[in-house]
Amino acid sequence: MIKLSLLSVFVPTFFLVSLTPGMCMTLAMVLGMTQGVRRTLWMMIGELVGVGLVAAAAGAGVATLMLRHPELFSVFKWVGGAYLGYLGVMMWRSRGRMAIPLETLDTPKASRRQLALQGFVTAVANPKGWAFFVALLPPFLDASLPLASQLLALVGVILLIEFLCLLLYAGGGRTARQLLGESTHVRLLNRIAGSLMVGVGAWLAFG
């Protein structure tokens, strides 16, 4: 088990870091804007699985090996970044399932699988996320206690905080849509969301 004194430091530290705007939080805001909070939950599931995988690997020491071989990230980063960039361009043009439809007719939305995959790729393909966990987790691990139980507790706390922050950003995106939701503003909203999505893709590819 983790000592309460360590948790009292770990929780506010990770909450402030998680709340800082980043790729995953921007993605949550964009999808909250175009897909709604409920459907964005599927992206959050994929993102949380990815974050949990990265955090567990960092705690187990696997991330150190990954960071020493940045070429392992290259293909994943470029493919993921190009895909998000493509989605952003389609949204900017008010086309595709990620965009808010210009007409009131029912338009097929992005599938749950697509949304979950977006979240997973964005979380796992971000080298800064790996580096962050390598730096953050070791100081909170006690060598005198079993590693597995400590990792399980810390990853659980991390995922809870991450989920709450994702909800905040998705809710912010939904609020933006409500403020600019009139038909005359839908194209503008799509362009804002598309530009942010392209930015996330470029961040992923070049970051």
Protein backbone atom coordinates (compact mmCIF):
# COMPACT_ATOMS: atom_id res chain seq x y z
CA MET A 1 0.00 0.00 0.00
CA ILE A 2 1.01 3.62 -0.56
CA LYS A 3 1.61 5.78 2.48
CA LEU A 4 -0.94 8.55 3.00
CA SER A 5 1.87 11.09 3.29
CA LEU A 6 3.04 10.19 -0.22
CA LEU A 7 -0.50 10.30 -1.63
CA SER A 8 -1.05 13.73 -0.11
CA VAL A 9 1.80 14.97 -2.30
CA PHE A 10 1.22 12.77 -5.34
CA VAL A 11 -2.48 13.61 -5.84
CA PRO A 12 -2.17 17.44 -6.09
CA THR A 13 1.06 17.11 -8.10
CA PHE A 14 -0.46 14.85 -10.73
CA PHE A 15 -3.75 16.76 -10.76
CA LEU A 16 -2.00 20.02 -11.64
CA VAL A 17 0.09 18.31 -14.33
CA SER A 18 -2.91 16.48 -15.78
CA LEU A 19 -5.01 19.64 -15.83
CA THR A 20 -2.37 21.45 -17.90
CA PRO A 21 -3.44 21.66 -21.57
CA GLY A 22 -1.85 18.90 -23.61
CA MET A 23 -2.59 16.62 -26.53
CA CYS A 24 -5.09 14.39 -24.76
CA MET A 25 -6.91 17.25 -23.06
CA THR A 26 -7.14 19.19 -26.33
CA LEU A 27 -8.48 16.08 -28.04
CA ALA A 28 -11.13 15.71 -25.31
CA MET A 29 -12.17 19.34 -25.77
CA VAL A 30 -12.40 18.97 -29.57
CA LEU A 31 -14.51 15.83 -29.37
CA GLY A 32 -16.66 17.30 -26.62
CA MET A 33 -17.31 20.12 -29.05
CA THR A 34 -18.13 17.96 -32.07
CA GLN A 35 -19.29 14.63 -30.62
CA GLY A 36 -20.69 15.55 -27.22
CA VAL A 37 -19.45 14.47 -23.80
CA ARG A 38 -21.23 11.11 -23.80
CA ARG A 39 -19.63 9.91 -27.05
CA THR A 40 -16.27 11.39 -26.03
CA LEU A 41 -16.28 8.86 -23.18
CA TRP A 42 -15.20 6.25 -25.75
CA MET A 43 -12.12 8.30 -26.56
CA MET A 44 -11.48 8.60 -22.84
CA ILE A 45 -11.58 4.82 -22.45
CA GLY A 46 -8.89 4.41 -25.10
CA GLU A 47 -6.83 7.25 -23.65
CA LEU A 48 -7.03 5.86 -20.11
CA VAL A 49 -5.96 2.41 -21.30
CA GLY A 50 -2.99 4.04 -23.01
CA VAL A 51 -2.09 6.15 -19.97
CA GLY A 52 -2.38 3.14 -17.69
CA LEU A 53 -0.10 1.14 -19.99
CA VAL A 54 2.50 3.91 -20.11
CA ALA A 55 2.38 4.51 -16.34
CA ALA A 56 2.74 0.80 -15.55
CA ALA A 57 5.61 0.43 -18.02
CA ALA A 58 7.34 3.49 -16.57
CA GLY A 59 7.03 2.13 -13.05
CA ALA A 60 8.38 -1.24 -14.17
CA GLY A 61 11.37 0.37 -15.90
CA VAL A 62 10.29 -0.47 -19.47
CA ALA A 63 9.92 3.22 -20.35
CA THR A 64 13.64 3.82 -19.79
CA LEU A 65 14.43 1.40 -22.60
CA MET A 66 11.83 3.04 -24.85
CA LEU A 67 13.25 6.50 -24.24
CA ARG A 68 16.75 5.31 -25.12
CA HIS A 69 15.47 4.19 -28.52
CA PRO A 70 13.35 7.07 -29.83
CA GLU A 71 13.15 5.41 -33.23
CA LEU A 72 10.62 3.02 -31.68
CA PHE A 73 8.22 5.96 -31.49
CA SER A 74 8.85 7.37 -34.94
CA VAL A 75 6.45 5.31 -37.05
CA PHE A 76 3.74 5.35 -34.40
CA LYS A 77 4.08 9.12 -33.96
CA TRP A 78 3.98 9.94 -37.67
CA VAL A 79 1.09 7.63 -38.49
CA GLY A 80 -0.90 8.86 -35.50
CA GLY A 81 -0.10 12.50 -36.22
CA ALA A 82 -1.00 12.18 -39.90
CA TYR A 83 -4.30 10.51 -39.05
CA LEU A 84 -5.28 13.23 -36.58
CA GLY A 85 -4.20 15.88 -39.07
CA TYR A 86 -6.38 14.29 -41.75
CA LEU A 87 -9.36 14.27 -39.38
CA GLY A 88 -8.70 17.91 -38.56
CA VAL A 89 -8.72 18.93 -42.22
CA MET A 90 -11.99 17.06 -42.77
CA MET A 91 -13.51 18.77 -39.74
CA TRP A 92 -12.30 22.17 -40.95
CA ARG A 93 -14.15 21.49 -44.21
CA SER A 94 -17.25 20.38 -42.25
CA ARG A 95 -16.89 16.89 -43.68
CA GLY A 96 -16.48 13.46 -42.16
CA ARG A 97 -17.99 11.82 -39.12
CA MET A 98 -16.00 13.90 -36.64
CA ALA A 99 -17.49 17.21 -37.82
CA ILE A 100 -20.75 18.78 -36.67
CA PRO A 101 -23.20 18.32 -39.56
CA LEU A 102 -24.26 21.52 -41.31
CA GLU A 103 -27.69 20.12 -42.00
CA THR A 104 -30.23 18.93 -39.46
CA LEU A 105 -30.38 15.51 -41.15
CA ASP A 106 -29.03 12.57 -39.19
CA THR A 107 -25.38 12.12 -40.12
CA PRO A 108 -23.37 9.02 -39.11
CA LYS A 109 -21.00 9.85 -36.28
CA ALA A 110 -17.57 8.45 -35.57
CA SER A 111 -17.73 4.88 -34.32
CA ARG A 112 -16.90 3.98 -30.74
CA ARG A 113 -13.91 2.02 -32.02
CA GLN A 114 -12.56 5.04 -33.92
CA LEU A 115 -12.91 7.27 -30.87
CA ALA A 116 -11.23 4.76 -28.54
CA LEU A 117 -8.38 4.24 -31.01
CA GLN A 118 -7.80 7.99 -31.23
CA GLY A 119 -7.46 8.23 -27.46
CA PHE A 120 -5.17 5.20 -27.20
CA VAL A 121 -2.81 6.29 -29.98
CA THR A 122 -2.59 9.84 -28.65
CA ALA A 123 -1.67 8.60 -25.17
CA VAL A 124 0.81 5.88 -26.13
CA ALA A 125 2.58 7.67 -29.00
CA ASN A 126 3.54 10.68 -26.91
CA PRO A 127 7.22 10.39 -25.80
CA LYS A 128 6.74 13.29 -23.38
CA GLY A 129 4.16 11.19 -21.54
CA TRP A 130 6.68 8.38 -21.13
CA ALA A 131 9.37 10.80 -19.96
CA PHE A 132 6.95 12.40 -17.51
CA PHE A 133 6.05 9.11 -15.86
CA VAL A 134 9.70 8.05 -15.68
CA ALA A 135 10.41 11.27 -13.77
CA LEU A 136 7.24 11.30 -11.65
CA LEU A 137 6.70 7.75 -10.45
CA PRO A 138 10.05 6.59 -8.97
CA PRO A 139 10.09 9.16 -6.11
CA PHE A 140 6.73 7.79 -4.94
CA LEU A 141 7.76 4.12 -4.96
CA ASP A 142 9.08 2.62 -1.72
CA ALA A 143 11.74 -0.04 -2.29
CA SER A 144 10.83 -1.72 1.00
CA LEU A 145 7.27 -2.45 -0.19
CA PRO A 146 6.02 -4.77 -2.97
CA LEU A 147 6.26 -2.97 -6.32
CA ALA A 148 3.11 -4.46 -7.86
CA SER A 149 0.72 -3.24 -5.16
CA GLN A 150 2.24 0.24 -5.18
CA LEU A 151 2.00 0.51 -8.96
CA LEU A 152 -1.58 -0.70 -8.89
CA ALA A 153 -2.54 1.95 -6.34
CA LEU A 154 -0.70 4.79 -8.09
CA VAL A 155 -2.00 3.89 -11.56
CA GLY A 156 -5.53 3.76 -10.14
CA VAL A 157 -5.12 7.27 -8.72
CA ILE A 158 -3.59 8.49 -12.00
CA LEU A 159 -6.48 7.14 -14.08
CA LEU A 160 -9.10 8.66 -11.78
CA ILE A 161 -7.48 12.10 -11.93
CA GLU A 162 -6.95 11.85 -15.68
CA PHE A 163 -10.59 10.91 -16.21
CA LEU A 164 -11.83 13.88 -14.17
CA CYS A 165 -9.62 16.27 -16.15
CA LEU A 166 -10.76 14.78 -19.47
CA LEU A 167 -14.37 15.32 -18.39
CA LEU A 168 -13.62 18.96 -17.57
CA TYR A 169 -12.13 19.57 -21.01
CA ALA A 170 -14.89 17.70 -22.83
CA GLY A 171 -17.46 19.70 -20.88
CA GLY A 172 -15.68 22.89 -21.92
CA GLY A 173 -15.91 21.82 -25.56
CA ARG A 174 -19.62 21.11 -25.19
CA THR A 175 -20.15 24.55 -23.65
CA ALA A 176 -18.35 26.16 -26.61
CA ARG A 177 -20.65 24.32 -28.97
CA GLN A 178 -23.71 25.52 -27.07
CA LEU A 179 -22.49 29.11 -27.23
CA LEU A 180 -21.77 28.90 -30.96
CA GLY A 181 -24.31 26.25 -31.79
CA GLU A 182 -26.60 28.23 -34.06
CA SER A 183 -26.60 27.04 -37.67
CA THR A 184 -24.74 30.16 -38.82
CA HIS A 185 -21.87 29.33 -36.46
CA VAL A 186 -21.56 25.58 -37.08
CA ARG A 187 -19.03 26.02 -39.89
CA LEU A 188 -16.93 28.30 -37.65
CA LEU A 189 -17.12 25.76 -34.83
CA ASN A 190 -15.97 22.99 -37.19
CA ARG A 191 -13.04 25.15 -38.29
CA ILE A 192 -12.02 25.87 -34.71
CA ALA A 193 -12.23 22.17 -33.81
CA GLY A 194 -10.47 21.15 -37.04
CA SER A 195 -7.63 23.60 -36.44
CA LEU A 196 -7.16 22.27 -32.91
CA MET A 197 -7.18 18.69 -34.21
CA VAL A 198 -4.53 19.52 -36.83
CA GLY A 199 -2.53 21.13 -34.02
CA VAL A 200 -2.75 17.96 -31.94
CA GLY A 201 -1.63 15.90 -34.95
CA ALA A 202 1.35 18.17 -35.59
CA TRP A 203 2.20 18.14 -31.88
CA LEU A 204 2.16 14.36 -31.89
CA ALA A 205 4.24 14.04 -35.05
CA PHE A 206 6.84 16.72 -34.36
CA GLY A 207 6.81 16.96 -30.57
